[in-house]
Amino acid sequence: MNTPLISVMMPVYNAYETLTTAVASVINQSLQDWELILVDDGSTDRSLQLALSLASEDERIRVIAQENRGVSEARNLGAEMSRGALLAFLDADDAWRVNKLVIHHQLHQAKPSLDASFARIAFRETITAKTGEIKTFSSVPAGPIQIDQIIADNPVCTTSNLVVTRKAFLRNGGFEKGMNYAEDQEWLARLVASGGVIEGIAETLTDYRMSDDGLSADLEKMLAGWRMLAARYACHINVRQAEATYFRYLSRRALRTGGPASKAVQYAAQGFTLSPRGFMSDPRRGSLTLAGALAGMAMPARVRTRVFA
């Protein structure tokens, strides 16, 4: 069996409704020299059976099953079993644009010293198998990203956006076991702290589904995980400003997922009070978040999820 250019790791946990779409976005890549490793993390629905069915139709797809140990260990197991010089990660409820892998591969070929890369994300309003309406896009800063950017705002946004060299992954170690909140930020911060270089691509290559029932909807646990991460890198960042920026994100997240409007106001107020400079580090986003949190108080949850991005 030939060694693929790129290995794709996909953790799967109760993802029956979206798995086919996610896998199809890999199969349809313009760069076809890949392997896809589906790691079922103890699903209790029909995800494992579906994964096995998909693998039977394409010899480049392999399935591994483990007891439920969390997304970090699922990704690590997939990486351990992979063979490509580049490793890419895709969650089972997200999807890639057709040129995702070829553009990342070209960048790493042009810049051999680059350890990891990411691109712009389209945030979509759906948790169904169909592609939903785009609500907003992530931003891609110019040049290598720094630890303070990773901790405060994380321009990579999601592991589904990340491509890393095998050498860098082995050198940096895997995702922290048992860490299911901010595990991607922790890994990125660890890489940069050790001298690794991460750069962005100013093209939209990943579609992220804004699920209201997944890990990223549990805002208080996200905040607790983020604070643990920030404490580790307190010597590298301005913690007050970074936390204020993160509160801005949580406020926007509360609006997007239809959570209590009071939560969006609470997070916005906490962030602005803690550090106006951090909260308004992006003036447009900060202003819109404050206005949105207040306006959201007068809207039903269903309306908030459609209006705010």
Protein backbone atom coordinates (compact mmCIF):
# COMPACT_ATOMS: atom_id res chain seq x y z
CA MET A 1 0.00 0.00 0.00
CA ASN A 2 1.41 3.36 -1.03
CA THR A 3 2.02 6.04 1.60
CA PRO A 4 -0.55 8.85 1.15
CA LEU A 5 0.42 12.50 1.01
CA ILE A 6 -2.14 13.41 3.67
CA SER A 7 -3.78 11.47 6.50
CA VAL A 8 -7.19 12.70 7.67
CA MET A 9 -8.32 11.93 11.22
CA MET A 10 -12.05 12.06 11.95
CA PRO A 11 -13.31 11.37 15.50
CA VAL A 12 -16.85 10.01 15.43
CA TYR A 13 -19.30 10.08 18.32
CA ASN A 14 -23.04 9.76 17.68
CA ALA A 15 -22.65 11.54 14.35
CA TYR A 16 -24.97 9.40 12.22
CA GLU A 17 -26.85 12.40 10.81
CA THR A 18 -23.76 14.25 9.54
CA LEU A 19 -21.09 11.60 9.01
CA THR A 20 -21.90 10.87 5.36
CA THR A 21 -21.62 14.55 4.44
CA ALA A 22 -18.32 14.94 6.29
CA VAL A 23 -16.82 11.85 4.65
CA ALA A 24 -18.09 12.91 1.22
CA SER A 25 -16.24 16.22 1.60
CA VAL A 26 -13.01 14.21 1.91
CA ILE A 27 -13.84 11.84 -0.94
CA ASN A 28 -14.57 14.81 -3.22
CA GLN A 29 -11.25 16.55 -2.60
CA SER A 30 -9.38 17.67 -5.72
CA LEU A 31 -6.26 16.14 -4.15
CA GLN A 32 -7.02 12.43 -4.07
CA ASP A 33 -3.84 11.06 -2.47
CA TRP A 34 -5.17 10.74 1.09
CA GLU A 35 -6.25 8.23 3.69
CA LEU A 36 -9.18 8.78 6.03
CA ILE A 37 -9.18 7.24 9.49
CA LEU A 38 -12.58 7.19 11.20
CA VAL A 39 -12.22 6.72 14.95
CA ASP A 40 -15.50 5.75 16.56
CA ASP A 41 -15.40 6.92 20.18
CA GLY A 42 -17.98 4.56 21.65
CA SER A 43 -20.99 5.81 19.70
CA THR A 44 -24.37 4.63 20.96
CA ASP A 45 -26.23 5.34 17.72
CA ARG A 46 -25.62 3.79 14.28
CA SER A 47 -22.43 5.78 13.59
CA LEU A 48 -20.07 2.79 13.73
CA GLN A 49 -22.19 0.74 11.34
CA LEU A 50 -22.35 3.69 8.94
CA ALA A 51 -18.59 4.23 9.19
CA LEU A 52 -17.95 0.58 8.33
CA SER A 53 -20.33 0.83 5.38
CA LEU A 54 -18.57 3.93 4.05
CA ALA A 55 -15.17 2.24 4.45
CA SER A 56 -16.37 -0.77 2.47
CA GLU A 57 -16.91 1.53 -0.51
CA ASP A 58 -13.43 3.14 -0.53
CA GLU A 59 -10.20 1.35 0.35
CA ARG A 60 -8.64 4.64 1.47
CA ILE A 61 -11.01 4.75 4.45
CA ARG A 62 -10.18 2.82 7.64
CA VAL A 63 -12.31 2.46 10.77
CA ILE A 64 -11.02 2.14 14.33
CA ALA A 65 -13.31 1.72 17.34
CA GLN A 66 -12.55 2.49 20.97
CA GLU A 67 -14.50 2.84 24.19
CA ASN A 68 -15.63 6.39 24.85
CA ARG A 69 -12.49 8.28 25.90
CA GLY A 70 -13.13 11.72 24.44
CA VAL A 71 -12.23 13.58 21.30
CA SER A 72 -8.56 14.16 22.20
CA GLU A 73 -7.77 10.47 22.54
CA ALA A 74 -9.75 9.68 19.39
CA ARG A 75 -7.67 12.13 17.37
CA ASN A 76 -4.45 10.86 18.93
CA LEU A 77 -5.31 7.26 18.09
CA GLY A 78 -6.04 8.22 14.50
CA ALA A 79 -2.74 10.09 14.24
CA GLU A 80 -0.88 7.12 15.71
CA MET A 81 -2.33 4.86 13.00
CA SER A 82 -1.75 7.36 10.17
CA ARG A 83 1.00 7.30 7.54
CA GLY A 84 0.93 10.66 5.71
CA ALA A 85 3.57 13.39 5.92
CA LEU A 86 0.75 15.87 6.55
CA LEU A 87 -2.01 15.27 9.10
CA ALA A 88 -5.41 16.91 8.76
CA PHE A 89 -8.31 16.82 11.23
CA LEU A 90 -12.01 16.96 10.44
CA ASP A 91 -14.89 16.58 12.90
CA ALA A 92 -17.78 14.41 11.83
CA ASP A 93 -20.28 17.28 11.83
CA ASP A 94 -18.15 19.64 9.69
CA ALA A 95 -17.15 19.58 6.01
CA TRP A 96 -14.39 20.79 3.69
CA ARG A 97 -14.44 22.67 0.40
CA VAL A 98 -13.13 20.61 -2.52
CA ASN A 99 -9.75 22.38 -2.70
CA LYS A 100 -8.96 22.23 1.03
CA LEU A 101 -6.21 19.62 0.93
CA VAL A 102 -4.51 20.72 -2.28
CA ILE A 103 -4.15 24.32 -1.10
CA HIS A 104 -2.68 23.27 2.25
CA HIS A 105 -0.34 20.82 0.53
CA GLN A 106 0.88 23.50 -1.87
CA LEU A 107 1.55 25.89 1.01
CA HIS A 108 3.58 23.33 2.94
CA GLN A 109 5.51 22.42 -0.19
CA ALA A 110 6.36 26.09 -0.75
CA LYS A 111 7.27 26.61 2.94
CA PRO A 112 9.01 23.47 4.22
CA SER A 113 9.72 25.10 7.61
CA LEU A 114 6.01 25.65 8.27
CA ASP A 115 4.67 23.37 11.02
CA ALA A 116 0.93 23.91 10.69
CA SER A 117 -1.62 25.81 8.62
CA PHE A 118 -5.27 26.82 8.75
CA ALA A 119 -7.72 28.77 6.58
CA ARG A 120 -10.90 30.81 6.75
CA ILE A 121 -14.06 29.11 8.07
CA ALA A 122 -17.68 29.54 7.06
CA PHE A 123 -19.94 29.17 10.11
CA ARG A 124 -23.20 27.54 9.07
CA GLU A 125 -26.54 27.52 10.87
CA THR A 126 -27.46 23.84 10.88
CA ILE A 127 -26.91 20.51 12.58
CA THR A 128 -28.61 18.50 9.85
CA ALA A 129 -26.97 16.48 7.11
CA LYS A 130 -27.66 19.24 4.59
CA THR A 131 -25.43 22.27 4.23
CA GLY A 132 -27.04 25.26 5.89
CA GLU A 133 -26.98 29.01 5.48
CA ILE A 134 -23.66 30.75 6.07
CA LYS A 135 -23.96 33.08 9.05
CA THR A 136 -20.44 34.51 9.24
CA PHE A 137 -16.78 33.89 8.43
CA SER A 138 -13.66 33.65 10.56
CA SER A 139 -10.76 36.04 10.03
CA VAL A 140 -7.21 35.06 9.09
CA PRO A 141 -4.45 37.29 10.48
CA ALA A 142 -1.39 37.94 8.36
CA GLY A 143 1.86 36.19 9.24
CA PRO A 144 2.58 33.54 11.86
CA ILE A 145 0.12 33.54 14.76
CA GLN A 146 1.34 34.17 18.30
CA ILE A 147 0.35 32.65 21.64
CA ASP A 148 -1.71 35.67 22.71
CA GLN A 149 -3.78 35.37 19.52
CA ILE A 150 -4.34 31.66 20.10
CA ILE A 151 -5.43 32.10 23.72
CA ALA A 152 -7.59 35.19 23.28
CA ASP A 153 -9.32 34.66 19.95
CA ASN A 154 -7.97 31.44 18.39
CA PRO A 155 -8.05 32.31 14.68
CA VAL A 156 -7.81 28.59 13.86
CA CYS A 157 -11.27 28.29 15.51
CA THR A 158 -11.68 24.52 15.21
CA THR A 159 -9.53 21.45 14.73
CA SER A 160 -11.45 20.81 11.49
CA ASN A 161 -9.45 23.73 10.11
CA LEU A 162 -6.00 22.40 11.06
CA VAL A 163 -3.31 20.76 8.93
CA VAL A 164 0.02 19.91 10.58
CA THR A 165 3.19 18.15 9.52
CA ARG A 166 3.81 14.71 10.95
CA LYS A 167 7.18 15.90 12.25
CA ALA A 168 5.57 18.74 14.19
CA PHE A 169 2.83 16.52 15.61
CA LEU A 170 5.34 13.94 16.85
CA ARG A 171 7.58 16.67 18.26
CA ASN A 172 4.74 18.49 19.99
CA GLY A 173 2.92 15.40 21.22
CA GLY A 174 -0.78 14.70 20.83
CA PHE A 175 -3.85 16.42 22.19
CA GLU A 176 -4.08 16.36 25.97
CA LYS A 177 -5.98 13.32 27.18
CA GLY A 178 -9.21 14.00 29.01
CA MET A 179 -9.33 17.59 27.77
CA ASN A 180 -12.50 18.14 25.71
CA TYR A 181 -12.72 21.92 26.01
CA ALA A 182 -9.96 24.17 24.61
CA GLU A 183 -7.94 21.07 23.71
CA ASP A 184 -7.22 22.55 20.28
CA GLN A 185 -6.06 25.86 21.74
CA GLU A 186 -3.85 24.05 24.23
CA TRP A 187 -2.20 22.05 21.44
CA LEU A 188 -1.67 25.15 19.29
CA ALA A 189 -0.27 27.17 22.19
CA ARG A 190 2.08 24.34 23.09
CA LEU A 191 3.33 24.18 19.50
CA VAL A 192 4.00 27.91 19.25
CA ALA A 193 5.58 28.03 22.73
CA SER A 194 8.08 25.41 21.58
CA GLY A 195 9.03 27.43 18.50
CA GLY A 196 6.53 26.03 16.02
CA VAL A 197 5.22 28.17 13.16
CA ILE A 198 1.53 28.33 12.20
CA GLU A 199 0.25 30.44 9.30
CA GLY A 200 -3.19 31.04 7.83
CA ILE A 201 -4.59 30.89 4.31
CA ALA A 202 -6.94 33.71 3.30
CA GLU A 203 -9.43 31.39 1.58
CA THR A 204 -12.60 29.76 2.90
CA LEU A 205 -11.91 26.03 3.01
CA THR A 206 -13.94 24.65 5.96
CA ASP A 207 -17.67 24.66 6.75
CA TYR A 208 -18.34 24.58 10.49
CA ARG A 209 -21.75 23.60 11.79
CA MET A 210 -22.95 25.73 14.69
CA SER A 211 -24.55 22.92 16.68
CA ASP A 212 -26.47 23.94 19.80
CA ASP A 213 -26.14 20.53 21.46
CA GLY A 214 -22.43 19.80 21.08
CA LEU A 215 -19.41 20.48 23.25
CA SER A 216 -19.09 24.04 22.05
CA ALA A 217 -22.58 24.91 23.33
CA ASP A 218 -21.67 24.30 26.99
CA LEU A 219 -20.46 27.82 27.63
CA GLU A 220 -19.64 27.56 31.34
CA LYS A 221 -17.50 24.48 30.81
CA MET A 222 -15.83 26.22 27.89
CA LEU A 223 -15.00 29.15 30.15
CA ALA A 224 -13.61 26.87 32.86
CA GLY A 225 -11.46 25.05 30.32
CA TRP A 226 -10.25 28.32 28.84
CA ARG A 227 -9.24 29.65 32.26
CA MET A 228 -7.18 26.55 32.94
CA LEU A 229 -5.45 27.04 29.60
CA ALA A 230 -4.83 30.76 30.17
CA ALA A 231 -3.29 30.03 33.57
CA ARG A 232 -0.70 27.81 31.90
CA TYR A 233 0.42 30.58 29.57
CA ALA A 234 -0.05 33.55 31.89
CA CYS A 235 3.60 34.51 31.45
CA HIS A 236 3.08 34.85 27.68
CA ILE A 237 -0.15 36.87 27.59
CA ASN A 238 -2.10 39.71 29.19
CA VAL A 239 -4.66 37.50 30.95
CA ARG A 240 -7.22 40.27 31.64
CA GLN A 241 -7.30 41.41 28.03
CA ALA A 242 -7.37 37.84 26.73
CA GLU A 243 -10.25 36.89 29.04
CA ALA A 244 -12.20 39.98 28.00
CA THR A 245 -11.81 38.92 24.37
CA TYR A 246 -12.97 35.43 25.26
CA PHE A 247 -16.03 36.81 27.06
CA ARG A 248 -16.86 38.62 23.82
CA TYR A 249 -16.74 35.28 22.01
CA LEU A 250 -18.95 33.62 24.65
CA SER A 251 -21.51 36.41 24.36
CA ARG A 252 -21.70 35.94 20.61
CA ARG A 253 -21.86 32.18 21.06
CA ALA A 254 -24.78 32.52 23.47
CA LEU A 255 -26.66 34.54 20.86
CA ARG A 256 -25.92 32.08 18.06
CA THR A 257 -27.01 28.97 19.95
CA GLY A 258 -30.24 30.41 21.28
CA GLY A 259 -29.16 30.35 24.91
CA PRO A 260 -30.69 32.69 27.49
CA ALA A 261 -30.36 36.30 26.36
CA SER A 262 -29.32 37.20 29.89
CA LYS A 263 -26.20 35.02 29.39
CA ALA A 264 -25.15 37.02 26.35
CA VAL A 265 -25.57 40.26 28.31
CA GLN A 266 -23.72 38.80 31.31
CA TYR A 267 -20.72 37.72 29.25
CA ALA A 268 -20.59 41.02 27.36
CA ALA A 269 -20.75 43.02 30.59
CA GLN A 270 -18.10 40.87 32.27
CA GLY A 271 -15.76 41.20 29.33
CA PHE A 272 -16.13 44.94 28.88
CA THR A 273 -15.79 45.57 32.62
CA LEU A 274 -12.73 43.34 32.91
CA SER A 275 -10.84 45.03 30.07
CA PRO A 276 -12.46 47.47 27.63
CA ARG A 277 -9.29 47.28 25.55
CA GLY A 278 -9.47 43.50 25.30
CA PHE A 279 -13.19 43.45 24.60
CA MET A 280 -12.82 46.10 21.89
CA SER A 281 -9.62 44.67 20.41
CA ASP A 282 -11.75 44.25 17.30
CA PRO A 283 -13.84 47.46 17.48
CA ARG A 284 -16.47 46.33 15.00
CA ARG A 285 -16.96 42.95 16.62
CA GLY A 286 -16.94 44.41 20.12
CA SER A 287 -19.54 47.06 19.27
CA LEU A 288 -21.81 44.61 17.47
CA THR A 289 -21.56 42.16 20.36
CA LEU A 290 -22.60 44.77 22.92
CA ALA A 291 -25.48 45.95 20.73
CA GLY A 292 -26.52 42.40 19.89
CA ALA A 293 -26.53 41.26 23.51
CA LEU A 294 -28.84 44.12 24.47
CA ALA A 295 -31.09 43.75 21.43
CA GLY A 296 -31.32 40.01 22.00
CA MET A 297 -33.16 40.58 25.27
CA ALA A 298 -36.22 41.57 23.24
CA MET A 299 -36.09 38.60 20.84
CA PRO A 300 -37.28 34.99 21.13
CA ALA A 301 -34.47 32.43 21.11
CA ARG A 302 -35.35 31.19 17.62
CA VAL A 303 -35.08 34.71 16.22
CA ARG A 304 -31.74 35.34 17.94
CA THR A 305 -30.17 32.27 16.38
CA ARG A 306 -31.12 33.53 12.90
CA VAL A 307 -30.21 37.17 13.38
CA PHE A 308 -26.85 37.00 15.13
CA ALA A 309 -23.62 35.68 13.69
